[in-house]
Amino acid sequence: MSPAAPALPPGFQPVAVGGEFVAHNGPLYVLHDGPIVKLGFRVEARHCNPMGICHGGMLASFCDMLLPVTVHRKSAEVGLRFLPTIQLQLDYMAPAPLGAWVEGEAEVLKVTRSLVFVQGLARADGVPAVRCSGLFKIGRKFGDDAAPR
């Protein structure tokens, strides 16, 4: 981030999630304070479409990180397991313009033996921008070298 870039909202810290894809498309920031888990990013020019608003694909990628990051931090049942996406549904509600702070929160709706159901909302400078829901397969623990289940 350049020195002229707006400051992060209080409490947000850089987070390394999602491997090289997110490292290239981020950075993402997390706030985890007790039961509160938020994920955010600042819309940069490289995230934008020709109209100067955040590309829907970037918002989709953000939501596809928001939901499992929330599960990892809120569900002791799941813990730090790989959560491949089975279904991701998005409703784009408003644009996220260049420079906007996009921040999302989610809730874990149900955990079964093999699946997690999650829903969330991302806001751009406080305005609801994307409603999302997802279904994730509960995979192996991170760092587990065993064959995929």
N, C-alpha and C. Protein backbone atom coordinates (compact mmCIF):
# COMPACT_ATOMS: atom_id res chain seq x y z
N MET A 1 0.84 -1.17 0.00
CA MET A 1 0.00 0.00 0.00
C MET A 1 0.90 1.24 0.00
N SER A 2 0.57 2.21 -0.79
CA SER A 2 1.37 3.43 -0.86
C SER A 2 1.09 4.29 0.37
N PRO A 3 2.03 5.21 0.68
CA PRO A 3 1.83 6.07 1.85
C PRO A 3 0.58 6.93 1.75
N ALA A 4 0.11 7.24 0.53
CA ALA A 4 -1.07 8.08 0.35
C ALA A 4 -2.37 7.29 0.49
N ALA A 5 -2.28 5.97 0.56
CA ALA A 5 -3.49 5.14 0.66
C ALA A 5 -4.17 5.38 2.00
N PRO A 6 -5.51 5.31 2.00
CA PRO A 6 -6.23 5.49 3.27
C PRO A 6 -5.84 4.41 4.28
N ALA A 7 -5.91 4.78 5.53
CA ALA A 7 -5.57 3.84 6.61
C ALA A 7 -6.61 2.74 6.69
N LEU A 8 -6.18 1.61 7.25
CA LEU A 8 -7.11 0.51 7.49
C LEU A 8 -8.03 0.89 8.65
N PRO A 9 -9.24 0.36 8.66
CA PRO A 9 -10.09 0.55 9.84
C PRO A 9 -9.41 -0.05 11.07
N PRO A 10 -9.70 0.48 12.24
CA PRO A 10 -9.06 -0.01 13.47
C PRO A 10 -9.27 -1.51 13.67
N GLY A 11 -8.21 -2.19 14.10
CA GLY A 11 -8.27 -3.60 14.45
C GLY A 11 -7.96 -4.57 13.33
N PHE A 12 -7.93 -4.11 12.08
CA PHE A 12 -7.66 -5.01 10.96
C PHE A 12 -6.16 -5.25 10.82
N GLN A 13 -5.80 -6.51 10.56
CA GLN A 13 -4.42 -6.92 10.38
C GLN A 13 -4.29 -7.70 9.08
N PRO A 14 -3.14 -7.63 8.41
CA PRO A 14 -2.95 -8.45 7.21
C PRO A 14 -3.13 -9.93 7.54
N VAL A 15 -3.69 -10.67 6.60
CA VAL A 15 -3.88 -12.11 6.80
C VAL A 15 -3.39 -12.83 5.55
N ALA A 16 -2.65 -13.90 5.77
CA ALA A 16 -2.15 -14.72 4.66
C ALA A 16 -3.04 -15.94 4.53
N VAL A 17 -3.97 -15.89 3.60
CA VAL A 17 -4.88 -17.01 3.34
C VAL A 17 -5.00 -17.18 1.84
N GLY A 18 -5.35 -18.38 1.41
CA GLY A 18 -5.67 -18.59 0.01
C GLY A 18 -4.50 -18.81 -0.92
N GLY A 19 -3.29 -18.93 -0.39
CA GLY A 19 -2.14 -19.22 -1.23
C GLY A 19 -1.78 -18.09 -2.18
N GLU A 20 -1.15 -18.48 -3.29
CA GLU A 20 -0.64 -17.50 -4.24
C GLU A 20 -1.74 -16.69 -4.92
N PHE A 21 -2.91 -17.30 -5.14
CA PHE A 21 -4.00 -16.58 -5.80
C PHE A 21 -4.38 -15.33 -5.02
N VAL A 22 -4.62 -15.49 -3.73
CA VAL A 22 -5.01 -14.35 -2.91
C VAL A 22 -3.83 -13.42 -2.68
N ALA A 23 -2.63 -13.98 -2.57
CA ALA A 23 -1.44 -13.12 -2.42
C ALA A 23 -1.32 -12.18 -3.62
N HIS A 24 -1.63 -12.68 -4.80
CA HIS A 24 -1.56 -11.87 -6.02
C HIS A 24 -2.71 -10.88 -6.11
N ASN A 25 -3.90 -11.29 -5.68
CA ASN A 25 -5.09 -10.45 -5.84
C ASN A 25 -5.44 -9.63 -4.61
N GLY A 26 -4.85 -9.91 -3.47
CA GLY A 26 -5.13 -9.19 -2.22
C GLY A 26 -4.49 -7.82 -2.22
N PRO A 27 -4.05 -7.37 -1.10
CA PRO A 27 -4.03 -8.06 0.18
C PRO A 27 -5.39 -8.04 0.87
N LEU A 28 -5.60 -9.05 1.73
CA LEU A 28 -6.79 -9.12 2.55
C LEU A 28 -6.40 -8.87 4.00
N TYR A 29 -7.36 -8.37 4.76
CA TYR A 29 -7.13 -8.03 6.16
C TYR A 29 -8.23 -8.66 7.01
N VAL A 30 -7.89 -9.07 8.22
CA VAL A 30 -8.86 -9.69 9.11
C VAL A 30 -8.93 -8.94 10.43
N LEU A 31 -10.12 -8.90 10.98
CA LEU A 31 -10.34 -8.43 12.34
C LEU A 31 -11.01 -9.60 13.05
N HIS A 32 -10.39 -10.09 14.12
CA HIS A 32 -10.96 -11.18 14.91
C HIS A 32 -10.91 -10.75 16.35
N ASP A 33 -12.08 -10.40 16.88
CA ASP A 33 -12.18 -9.91 18.25
C ASP A 33 -13.32 -10.67 18.92
N GLY A 34 -12.98 -11.74 19.65
CA GLY A 34 -14.00 -12.58 20.28
C GLY A 34 -14.88 -13.20 19.21
N PRO A 35 -16.20 -13.01 19.30
CA PRO A 35 -17.11 -13.61 18.33
C PRO A 35 -17.16 -12.86 16.99
N ILE A 36 -16.53 -11.70 16.93
CA ILE A 36 -16.57 -10.88 15.71
C ILE A 36 -15.42 -11.28 14.79
N VAL A 37 -15.77 -11.64 13.56
CA VAL A 37 -14.79 -11.94 12.53
C VAL A 37 -15.18 -11.14 11.29
N LYS A 38 -14.27 -10.32 10.81
CA LYS A 38 -14.50 -9.53 9.61
C LYS A 38 -13.30 -9.69 8.68
N LEU A 39 -13.56 -9.70 7.40
CA LEU A 39 -12.51 -9.74 6.39
C LEU A 39 -12.70 -8.51 5.52
N GLY A 40 -11.59 -7.90 5.08
CA GLY A 40 -11.72 -6.70 4.27
C GLY A 40 -10.58 -6.51 3.30
N PHE A 41 -10.80 -5.60 2.35
CA PHE A 41 -9.76 -5.17 1.42
C PHE A 41 -10.11 -3.80 0.89
N ARG A 42 -9.09 -3.08 0.43
CA ARG A 42 -9.28 -1.77 -0.19
C ARG A 42 -9.30 -1.98 -1.70
N VAL A 43 -10.30 -1.44 -2.38
CA VAL A 43 -10.42 -1.58 -3.84
C VAL A 43 -9.32 -0.75 -4.50
N GLU A 44 -8.43 -1.43 -5.20
CA GLU A 44 -7.34 -0.78 -5.94
C GLU A 44 -7.67 -0.79 -7.43
N ALA A 45 -6.93 0.00 -8.20
CA ALA A 45 -7.17 0.09 -9.65
C ALA A 45 -7.11 -1.29 -10.31
N ARG A 46 -6.22 -2.15 -9.84
CA ARG A 46 -6.08 -3.48 -10.46
C ARG A 46 -7.27 -4.38 -10.18
N HIS A 47 -8.13 -4.01 -9.24
CA HIS A 47 -9.35 -4.76 -8.94
C HIS A 47 -10.54 -4.30 -9.77
N CYS A 48 -10.37 -3.21 -10.51
CA CYS A 48 -11.51 -2.54 -11.13
C CYS A 48 -11.74 -2.93 -12.59
N ASN A 49 -13.00 -2.78 -13.00
CA ASN A 49 -13.37 -2.93 -14.40
C ASN A 49 -13.16 -1.58 -15.09
N PRO A 50 -13.43 -1.48 -16.39
CA PRO A 50 -13.21 -0.20 -17.09
C PRO A 50 -14.04 0.97 -16.57
N MET A 51 -15.07 0.70 -15.78
CA MET A 51 -15.90 1.77 -15.23
C MET A 51 -15.39 2.27 -13.87
N GLY A 52 -14.27 1.71 -13.40
CA GLY A 52 -13.69 2.17 -12.15
C GLY A 52 -14.37 1.61 -10.91
N ILE A 53 -15.08 0.49 -11.09
CA ILE A 53 -15.67 -0.16 -9.92
C ILE A 53 -15.11 -1.57 -9.81
N CYS A 54 -15.13 -2.09 -8.61
CA CYS A 54 -14.54 -3.41 -8.36
C CYS A 54 -15.20 -4.45 -9.25
N HIS A 55 -14.39 -5.22 -9.93
CA HIS A 55 -14.86 -6.28 -10.83
C HIS A 55 -15.62 -7.33 -10.02
N GLY A 56 -16.70 -7.82 -10.57
CA GLY A 56 -17.49 -8.84 -9.90
C GLY A 56 -16.69 -10.08 -9.57
N GLY A 57 -15.71 -10.41 -10.40
CA GLY A 57 -14.86 -11.56 -10.13
C GLY A 57 -14.03 -11.38 -8.88
N MET A 58 -13.56 -10.15 -8.64
CA MET A 58 -12.80 -9.89 -7.41
C MET A 58 -13.72 -10.00 -6.20
N LEU A 59 -14.92 -9.47 -6.32
CA LEU A 59 -15.87 -9.58 -5.21
C LEU A 59 -16.25 -11.03 -4.95
N ALA A 60 -16.38 -11.82 -6.02
CA ALA A 60 -16.68 -13.25 -5.86
C ALA A 60 -15.53 -13.95 -5.14
N SER A 61 -14.29 -13.65 -5.55
CA SER A 61 -13.13 -14.24 -4.88
C SER A 61 -13.08 -13.83 -3.41
N PHE A 62 -13.39 -12.57 -3.14
CA PHE A 62 -13.41 -12.10 -1.75
C PHE A 62 -14.44 -12.89 -0.94
N CYS A 63 -15.65 -13.05 -1.48
CA CYS A 63 -16.68 -13.80 -0.76
C CYS A 63 -16.29 -15.26 -0.58
N ASP A 64 -15.59 -15.81 -1.57
CA ASP A 64 -15.14 -17.20 -1.50
C ASP A 64 -14.03 -17.37 -0.46
N MET A 65 -13.46 -16.30 0.01
CA MET A 65 -12.51 -16.33 1.13
C MET A 65 -13.21 -15.97 2.44
N LEU A 66 -14.11 -15.00 2.39
CA LEU A 66 -14.83 -14.56 3.59
C LEU A 66 -15.53 -15.72 4.29
N LEU A 67 -16.23 -16.53 3.53
CA LEU A 67 -17.03 -17.59 4.14
C LEU A 67 -16.16 -18.63 4.84
N PRO A 68 -15.16 -19.24 4.19
CA PRO A 68 -14.35 -20.23 4.92
C PRO A 68 -13.47 -19.62 6.02
N VAL A 69 -12.98 -18.40 5.83
CA VAL A 69 -12.18 -17.76 6.89
C VAL A 69 -13.04 -17.62 8.15
N THR A 70 -14.29 -17.27 7.95
CA THR A 70 -15.21 -17.16 9.09
C THR A 70 -15.40 -18.52 9.75
N VAL A 71 -15.61 -19.57 8.96
CA VAL A 71 -15.78 -20.91 9.52
C VAL A 71 -14.55 -21.30 10.34
N HIS A 72 -13.36 -21.06 9.81
CA HIS A 72 -12.13 -21.42 10.52
C HIS A 72 -12.04 -20.75 11.89
N ARG A 73 -12.56 -19.56 11.99
CA ARG A 73 -12.42 -18.81 13.23
C ARG A 73 -13.62 -18.96 14.17
N LYS A 74 -14.76 -19.40 13.64
CA LYS A 74 -15.96 -19.49 14.48
C LYS A 74 -16.41 -20.91 14.80
N SER A 75 -15.93 -21.91 14.07
CA SER A 75 -16.41 -23.27 14.27
C SER A 75 -15.30 -24.17 14.81
N ALA A 76 -15.40 -24.50 16.10
CA ALA A 76 -14.44 -25.43 16.69
C ALA A 76 -14.59 -26.82 16.07
N GLU A 77 -15.81 -27.15 15.61
CA GLU A 77 -16.05 -28.46 14.99
C GLU A 77 -15.20 -28.65 13.73
N VAL A 78 -15.08 -27.59 12.95
CA VAL A 78 -14.35 -27.68 11.69
C VAL A 78 -12.88 -27.40 11.90
N GLY A 79 -12.56 -26.39 12.71
CA GLY A 79 -11.16 -26.04 12.94
C GLY A 79 -10.48 -25.61 11.66
N LEU A 80 -9.20 -25.90 11.56
CA LEU A 80 -8.42 -25.48 10.38
C LEU A 80 -8.36 -26.62 9.37
N ARG A 81 -9.46 -26.84 8.71
CA ARG A 81 -9.54 -27.84 7.65
C ARG A 81 -9.76 -27.13 6.32
N PHE A 82 -9.25 -27.76 5.27
CA PHE A 82 -9.46 -27.24 3.93
C PHE A 82 -10.95 -27.31 3.62
N LEU A 83 -11.51 -26.23 3.09
CA LEU A 83 -12.93 -26.16 2.79
C LEU A 83 -13.15 -25.84 1.31
N PRO A 84 -13.03 -26.86 0.44
CA PRO A 84 -13.27 -26.60 -0.97
C PRO A 84 -14.74 -26.20 -1.20
N THR A 85 -14.91 -25.24 -2.09
CA THR A 85 -16.24 -24.72 -2.39
C THR A 85 -17.03 -25.70 -3.25
N ILE A 86 -18.23 -26.01 -2.79
CA ILE A 86 -19.15 -26.83 -3.59
C ILE A 86 -20.12 -25.90 -4.31
N GLN A 87 -20.62 -24.90 -3.59
CA GLN A 87 -21.55 -23.94 -4.18
C GLN A 87 -21.28 -22.57 -3.59
N LEU A 88 -21.30 -21.55 -4.44
CA LEU A 88 -21.17 -20.17 -3.99
C LEU A 88 -22.23 -19.37 -4.72
N GLN A 89 -23.09 -18.72 -3.96
CA GLN A 89 -24.15 -17.90 -4.55
C GLN A 89 -23.92 -16.46 -4.15
N LEU A 90 -24.03 -15.56 -5.13
CA LEU A 90 -23.80 -14.14 -4.90
C LEU A 90 -24.96 -13.32 -5.45
N ASP A 91 -25.31 -12.29 -4.71
CA ASP A 91 -26.25 -11.28 -5.20
C ASP A 91 -25.53 -9.95 -5.11
N TYR A 92 -25.22 -9.37 -6.27
CA TYR A 92 -24.55 -8.07 -6.31
C TYR A 92 -25.61 -7.00 -6.07
N MET A 93 -25.41 -6.19 -5.05
CA MET A 93 -26.42 -5.23 -4.64
C MET A 93 -26.05 -3.78 -4.94
N ALA A 94 -24.76 -3.48 -4.94
CA ALA A 94 -24.29 -2.10 -5.18
C ALA A 94 -22.84 -2.16 -5.60
N PRO A 95 -22.38 -1.13 -6.33
CA PRO A 95 -20.98 -1.12 -6.74
C PRO A 95 -20.04 -0.83 -5.58
N ALA A 96 -18.80 -1.30 -5.74
CA ALA A 96 -17.72 -1.00 -4.81
C ALA A 96 -16.69 -0.19 -5.60
N PRO A 97 -16.73 1.14 -5.51
CA PRO A 97 -15.86 1.97 -6.34
C PRO A 97 -14.39 1.94 -5.93
N LEU A 98 -13.56 2.37 -6.84
CA LEU A 98 -12.13 2.50 -6.59
C LEU A 98 -11.92 3.25 -5.28
N GLY A 99 -11.07 2.69 -4.41
CA GLY A 99 -10.76 3.33 -3.12
C GLY A 99 -11.67 2.90 -1.98
N ALA A 100 -12.78 2.23 -2.29
CA ALA A 100 -13.72 1.82 -1.24
C ALA A 100 -13.09 0.76 -0.34
N TRP A 101 -13.50 0.77 0.92
CA TRP A 101 -13.15 -0.30 1.85
C TRP A 101 -14.28 -1.32 1.78
N VAL A 102 -13.95 -2.54 1.37
CA VAL A 102 -14.92 -3.63 1.31
C VAL A 102 -14.69 -4.51 2.53
N GLU A 103 -15.76 -4.71 3.30
CA GLU A 103 -15.66 -5.44 4.55
C GLU A 103 -16.82 -6.42 4.63
N GLY A 104 -16.53 -7.65 4.99
CA GLY A 104 -17.58 -8.66 5.08
C GLY A 104 -17.62 -9.36 6.40
N GLU A 105 -18.82 -9.80 6.75
CA GLU A 105 -19.05 -10.64 7.93
C GLU A 105 -19.91 -11.81 7.50
N ALA A 106 -19.76 -12.94 8.17
CA ALA A 106 -20.54 -14.12 7.81
C ALA A 106 -20.93 -14.88 9.06
N GLU A 107 -21.89 -15.79 8.89
CA GLU A 107 -22.31 -16.66 9.98
C GLU A 107 -22.38 -18.09 9.48
N VAL A 108 -21.97 -18.97 10.37
CA VAL A 108 -22.03 -20.40 10.08
C VAL A 108 -23.46 -20.85 10.41
N LEU A 109 -24.15 -21.37 9.40
CA LEU A 109 -25.53 -21.79 9.59
C LEU A 109 -25.67 -23.22 10.09
N LYS A 110 -24.85 -24.12 9.51
CA LYS A 110 -24.95 -25.53 9.89
C LYS A 110 -23.66 -26.24 9.53
N VAL A 111 -23.25 -27.13 10.43
CA VAL A 111 -22.10 -28.00 10.19
C VAL A 111 -22.59 -29.43 10.29
N THR A 112 -22.33 -30.22 9.23
CA THR A 112 -22.64 -31.64 9.27
C THR A 112 -21.32 -32.40 9.34
N ARG A 113 -21.37 -33.73 9.21
CA ARG A 113 -20.12 -34.50 9.24
C ARG A 113 -19.20 -34.13 8.09
N SER A 114 -19.76 -33.72 6.95
CA SER A 114 -18.92 -33.48 5.78
C SER A 114 -19.12 -32.13 5.10
N LEU A 115 -20.10 -31.33 5.55
CA LEU A 115 -20.42 -30.07 4.89
C LEU A 115 -20.59 -28.93 5.88
N VAL A 116 -20.37 -27.70 5.37
CA VAL A 116 -20.62 -26.49 6.15
C VAL A 116 -21.44 -25.53 5.29
N PHE A 117 -22.50 -24.99 5.87
CA PHE A 117 -23.36 -24.01 5.22
C PHE A 117 -23.09 -22.65 5.87
N VAL A 118 -22.82 -21.63 5.04
CA VAL A 118 -22.42 -20.32 5.56
C VAL A 118 -23.09 -19.23 4.72
N GLN A 119 -23.40 -18.10 5.36
CA GLN A 119 -23.92 -16.95 4.62
C GLN A 119 -23.24 -15.68 5.12
N GLY A 120 -23.17 -14.68 4.23
CA GLY A 120 -22.50 -13.45 4.63
C GLY A 120 -22.96 -12.24 3.85
N LEU A 121 -22.43 -11.10 4.24
CA LEU A 121 -22.73 -9.83 3.59
C LEU A 121 -21.45 -9.01 3.54
N ALA A 122 -21.13 -8.51 2.35
CA ALA A 122 -19.98 -7.61 2.17
C ALA A 122 -20.51 -6.21 1.90
N ARG A 123 -19.91 -5.24 2.54
CA ARG A 123 -20.31 -3.84 2.38
C ARG A 123 -19.15 -3.05 1.78
N ALA A 124 -19.47 -2.10 0.95
CA ALA A 124 -18.47 -1.19 0.38
C ALA A 124 -18.69 0.18 1.02
N ASP A 125 -17.75 0.62 1.82
CA ASP A 125 -17.88 1.87 2.58
C ASP A 125 -19.21 1.92 3.31
N GLY A 126 -19.60 0.79 3.90
CA GLY A 126 -20.80 0.71 4.72
C GLY A 126 -22.09 0.39 3.97
N VAL A 127 -22.05 0.39 2.65
CA VAL A 127 -23.24 0.12 1.84
C VAL A 127 -23.26 -1.35 1.45
N PRO A 128 -24.37 -2.08 1.70
CA PRO A 128 -24.42 -3.48 1.29
C PRO A 128 -24.12 -3.62 -0.20
N ALA A 129 -23.10 -4.44 -0.52
CA ALA A 129 -22.66 -4.58 -1.91
C ALA A 129 -22.86 -5.99 -2.45
N VAL A 130 -22.61 -7.01 -1.62
CA VAL A 130 -22.75 -8.40 -2.07
C VAL A 130 -23.30 -9.24 -0.93
N ARG A 131 -24.40 -9.92 -1.22
CA ARG A 131 -24.91 -10.94 -0.30
C ARG A 131 -24.39 -12.27 -0.82
N CYS A 132 -23.88 -13.12 0.07
CA CYS A 132 -23.30 -14.38 -0.39
C CYS A 132 -23.70 -15.53 0.52
N SER A 133 -23.73 -16.70 -0.07
CA SER A 133 -23.92 -17.92 0.70
C SER A 133 -23.11 -19.01 0.04
N GLY A 134 -22.70 -19.97 0.84
CA GLY A 134 -21.87 -21.02 0.29
C GLY A 134 -22.04 -22.34 1.00
N LEU A 135 -21.70 -23.38 0.27
CA LEU A 135 -21.67 -24.74 0.77
C LEU A 135 -20.26 -25.25 0.55
N PHE A 136 -19.62 -25.74 1.62
CA PHE A 136 -18.23 -26.15 1.57
C PHE A 136 -18.08 -27.57 2.09
N LYS A 137 -17.23 -28.33 1.43
CA LYS A 137 -16.89 -29.70 1.86
C LYS A 137 -15.83 -29.60 2.95
N ILE A 138 -16.00 -30.35 4.01
CA ILE A 138 -14.99 -30.37 5.07
C ILE A 138 -13.89 -31.33 4.62
N GLY A 139 -12.72 -30.79 4.35
CA GLY A 139 -11.60 -31.57 3.86
C GLY A 139 -10.61 -31.89 4.97
N ARG A 140 -9.42 -32.25 4.54
CA ARG A 140 -8.38 -32.62 5.49
C ARG A 140 -7.82 -31.39 6.21
N LYS A 141 -7.15 -31.64 7.31
CA LYS A 141 -6.52 -30.56 8.06
C LYS A 141 -5.40 -29.96 7.23
N PHE A 142 -5.20 -28.66 7.37
CA PHE A 142 -4.06 -28.03 6.71
C PHE A 142 -2.78 -28.65 7.24
N GLY A 143 -1.86 -28.96 6.34
CA GLY A 143 -0.61 -29.57 6.73
C GLY A 143 -0.67 -31.08 6.82
N ASP A 144 -1.86 -31.65 6.68
CA ASP A 144 -2.02 -33.11 6.73
C ASP A 144 -1.60 -33.67 5.38
N ASP A 145 -0.60 -34.54 5.38
CA ASP A 145 -0.09 -35.10 4.12
C ASP A 145 -0.84 -36.33 3.67
N ALA A 146 -1.87 -36.71 4.42
CA ALA A 146 -2.65 -37.90 4.05
C ALA A 146 -3.40 -37.63 2.76
N ALA A 147 -3.81 -38.68 2.09
CA ALA A 147 -4.57 -38.57 0.85
C ALA A 147 -5.87 -37.83 1.10
N PRO A 148 -6.36 -37.06 0.11
CA PRO A 148 -7.63 -36.35 0.29
C PRO A 148 -8.76 -37.31 0.62
N ARG A 149 -9.71 -36.85 1.40
CA ARG A 149 -10.87 -37.66 1.76
C ARG A 149 -12.03 -37.32 0.89
